[in-house]
Amino acid sequence: MAAFLLWIILFILCWPLAILALVAYPFVWLISLPFRLIGITLHGVFGLLSAILLLPVRLLRGPSAV
């Protein structure tokens, strides 16, 4: 909702720039998509490495009283 309100303000102040932003947004989204996928993948890999490295500590700690 905030992005829409900012776009309305931009449209009132400078409508050609607002139309350009509206047209360019899908292209920017498509260009940023691979970087998002890489970020999701790296987050998963680091989570897996953390779980593997911390497994001995969790095993030595024993069952915890929940």
N, C-alpha and C. Protein backbone atom coordinates (compact mmCIF):
# COMPACT_ATOMS: atom_id res chain seq x y z
N MET A 1 0.83 -1.19 0.00
CA MET A 1 0.00 0.00 0.00
C MET A 1 0.88 1.26 0.00
N ALA A 2 1.97 1.20 0.75
CA ALA A 2 2.87 2.36 0.81
C ALA A 2 3.51 2.62 -0.56
N ALA A 3 3.87 1.53 -1.26
CA ALA A 3 4.48 1.70 -2.58
C ALA A 3 3.48 2.35 -3.54
N PHE A 4 2.22 1.97 -3.43
CA PHE A 4 1.21 2.56 -4.30
C PHE A 4 1.02 4.04 -4.00
N LEU A 5 1.02 4.40 -2.72
CA LEU A 5 0.87 5.81 -2.35
C LEU A 5 2.08 6.63 -2.82
N LEU A 6 3.26 6.05 -2.71
CA LEU A 6 4.45 6.75 -3.21
C LEU A 6 4.39 6.92 -4.73
N TRP A 7 3.84 5.91 -5.43
CA TRP A 7 3.71 6.02 -6.87
C TRP A 7 2.70 7.10 -7.24
N ILE A 8 1.62 7.20 -6.48
CA ILE A 8 0.62 8.25 -6.72
C ILE A 8 1.24 9.64 -6.54
N ILE A 9 2.04 9.80 -5.50
CA ILE A 9 2.73 11.07 -5.27
C ILE A 9 3.68 11.38 -6.42
N LEU A 10 4.42 10.36 -6.86
CA LEU A 10 5.32 10.54 -7.99
C LEU A 10 4.54 10.88 -9.25
N PHE A 11 3.38 10.26 -9.43
CA PHE A 11 2.55 10.54 -10.60
C PHE A 11 2.06 11.98 -10.60
N ILE A 12 1.74 12.48 -9.43
CA ILE A 12 1.27 13.87 -9.34
C ILE A 12 2.42 14.84 -9.60
N LEU A 13 3.61 14.53 -9.07
CA LEU A 13 4.74 15.44 -9.22
C LEU A 13 5.37 15.38 -10.61
N CYS A 14 5.54 14.16 -11.12
CA CYS A 14 6.23 14.01 -12.41
C CYS A 14 5.68 12.76 -13.10
N TRP A 15 4.60 12.92 -13.87
CA TRP A 15 3.93 11.77 -14.43
C TRP A 15 4.76 10.98 -15.45
N PRO A 16 5.66 11.59 -16.25
CA PRO A 16 6.45 10.74 -17.17
C PRO A 16 7.37 9.77 -16.42
N LEU A 17 7.95 10.23 -15.31
CA LEU A 17 8.81 9.36 -14.52
C LEU A 17 8.00 8.24 -13.87
N ALA A 18 6.78 8.55 -13.46
CA ALA A 18 5.92 7.54 -12.84
C ALA A 18 5.53 6.47 -13.86
N ILE A 19 5.22 6.87 -15.08
CA ILE A 19 4.88 5.91 -16.13
C ILE A 19 6.10 5.06 -16.48
N LEU A 20 7.28 5.67 -16.53
CA LEU A 20 8.51 4.92 -16.79
C LEU A 20 8.77 3.91 -15.69
N ALA A 21 8.55 4.30 -14.44
CA ALA A 21 8.73 3.37 -13.32
C ALA A 21 7.73 2.22 -13.41
N LEU A 22 6.52 2.52 -13.82
CA LEU A 22 5.49 1.48 -13.95
C LEU A 22 5.83 0.49 -15.05
N VAL A 23 6.41 0.97 -16.15
CA VAL A 23 6.79 0.10 -17.26
C VAL A 23 8.06 -0.68 -16.93
N ALA A 24 9.01 -0.05 -16.23
CA ALA A 24 10.31 -0.68 -15.97
C ALA A 24 10.25 -1.69 -14.82
N TYR A 25 9.25 -1.61 -13.96
CA TYR A 25 9.19 -2.49 -12.79
C TYR A 25 9.23 -3.98 -13.14
N PRO A 26 8.45 -4.47 -14.11
CA PRO A 26 8.53 -5.91 -14.42
C PRO A 26 9.92 -6.35 -14.91
N PHE A 27 10.59 -5.49 -15.66
CA PHE A 27 11.93 -5.84 -16.14
C PHE A 27 12.94 -5.89 -14.99
N VAL A 28 12.84 -4.97 -14.07
CA VAL A 28 13.72 -4.99 -12.90
C VAL A 28 13.44 -6.23 -12.06
N TRP A 29 12.18 -6.61 -11.93
CA TRP A 29 11.81 -7.81 -11.17
C TRP A 29 12.40 -9.05 -11.84
N LEU A 30 12.33 -9.13 -13.17
CA LEU A 30 12.89 -10.28 -13.88
C LEU A 30 14.40 -10.36 -13.75
N ILE A 31 15.07 -9.20 -13.77
CA ILE A 31 16.52 -9.19 -13.63
C ILE A 31 16.94 -9.59 -12.22
N SER A 32 16.17 -9.21 -11.21
CA SER A 32 16.54 -9.51 -9.83
C SER A 32 16.16 -10.93 -9.41
N LEU A 33 15.34 -11.63 -10.18
CA LEU A 33 14.89 -12.97 -9.82
C LEU A 33 16.02 -13.98 -9.63
N PRO A 34 17.02 -14.05 -10.53
CA PRO A 34 18.11 -14.99 -10.29
C PRO A 34 18.89 -14.71 -9.00
N PHE A 35 19.04 -13.44 -8.66
CA PHE A 35 19.75 -13.11 -7.43
C PHE A 35 18.96 -13.56 -6.20
N ARG A 36 17.63 -13.47 -6.27
CA ARG A 36 16.81 -13.96 -5.17
C ARG A 36 16.94 -15.47 -5.03
N LEU A 37 16.96 -16.18 -6.17
CA LEU A 37 17.11 -17.64 -6.11
C LEU A 37 18.47 -18.03 -5.55
N ILE A 38 19.50 -17.29 -5.92
CA ILE A 38 20.83 -17.57 -5.36
C ILE A 38 20.82 -17.31 -3.86
N GLY A 39 20.16 -16.25 -3.42
CA GLY A 39 20.08 -15.96 -1.99
C GLY A 39 19.35 -17.05 -1.22
N ILE A 40 18.25 -17.56 -1.77
CA ILE A 40 17.51 -18.64 -1.13
C ILE A 40 18.37 -19.89 -1.04
N THR A 41 19.08 -20.18 -2.12
CA THR A 41 19.95 -21.37 -2.14
C THR A 41 21.07 -21.25 -1.12
N LEU A 42 21.73 -20.10 -1.06
CA LEU A 42 22.81 -19.92 -0.10
C LEU A 42 22.31 -19.97 1.34
N HIS A 43 21.12 -19.45 1.57
CA HIS A 43 20.54 -19.53 2.92
C HIS A 43 20.34 -21.00 3.31
N GLY A 44 19.86 -21.81 2.39
CA GLY A 44 19.68 -23.23 2.66
C GLY A 44 21.00 -23.95 2.88
N VAL A 45 22.01 -23.63 2.07
CA VAL A 45 23.32 -24.28 2.21
C VAL A 45 23.95 -23.92 3.54
N PHE A 46 23.89 -22.67 3.93
CA PHE A 46 24.46 -22.26 5.22
C PHE A 46 23.70 -22.87 6.38
N GLY A 47 22.39 -23.02 6.24
CA GLY A 47 21.61 -23.70 7.28
C GLY A 47 22.01 -25.16 7.42
N LEU A 48 22.23 -25.83 6.29
CA LEU A 48 22.66 -27.22 6.32
C LEU A 48 24.05 -27.35 6.94
N LEU A 49 24.99 -26.48 6.56
CA LEU A 49 26.33 -26.52 7.14
C LEU A 49 26.29 -26.25 8.63
N SER A 50 25.47 -25.33 9.06
CA SER A 50 25.34 -25.03 10.48
C SER A 50 24.79 -26.24 11.23
N ALA A 51 23.80 -26.90 10.65
CA ALA A 51 23.24 -28.09 11.30
C ALA A 51 24.26 -29.22 11.38
N ILE A 52 25.06 -29.38 10.33
CA ILE A 52 26.08 -30.44 10.34
C ILE A 52 27.17 -30.14 11.36
N LEU A 53 27.61 -28.88 11.41
CA LEU A 53 28.69 -28.53 12.33
C LEU A 53 28.23 -28.54 13.78
N LEU A 54 26.98 -28.24 14.05
CA LEU A 54 26.49 -28.19 15.42
C LEU A 54 25.90 -29.51 15.90
N LEU A 55 25.85 -30.53 15.03
CA LEU A 55 25.28 -31.82 15.42
C LEU A 55 26.04 -32.47 16.57
N PRO A 56 27.39 -32.52 16.57
CA PRO A 56 28.08 -33.13 17.71
C PRO A 56 27.77 -32.44 19.04
N VAL A 57 27.66 -31.14 19.01
CA VAL A 57 27.35 -30.40 20.24
C VAL A 57 25.96 -30.77 20.74
N ARG A 58 25.01 -30.89 19.82
CA ARG A 58 23.66 -31.25 20.21
C ARG A 58 23.59 -32.67 20.73
N LEU A 59 24.40 -33.55 20.16
CA LEU A 59 24.41 -34.94 20.62
C LEU A 59 25.05 -35.06 22.00
N LEU A 60 26.13 -34.32 22.25
CA LEU A 60 26.81 -34.38 23.53
C LEU A 60 26.01 -33.70 24.64
N ARG A 61 25.18 -32.76 24.29
CA ARG A 61 24.38 -32.06 25.28
C ARG A 61 23.32 -32.98 25.87
N GLY A 62 22.87 -33.94 25.11
CA GLY A 62 21.87 -34.89 25.61
C GLY A 62 20.46 -34.35 25.48
N PRO A 63 19.49 -35.14 25.94
CA PRO A 63 18.11 -34.69 25.85
C PRO A 63 17.85 -33.50 26.79
N SER A 64 17.22 -32.52 26.24
CA SER A 64 16.95 -31.33 27.06
C SER A 64 15.55 -31.44 27.65
N ALA A 65 15.42 -30.88 28.83
CA ALA A 65 14.11 -30.88 29.50
C ALA A 65 13.30 -29.73 28.93
N VAL A 66 12.28 -30.07 28.18
CA VAL A 66 11.46 -29.05 27.52
C VAL A 66 10.30 -28.68 28.39
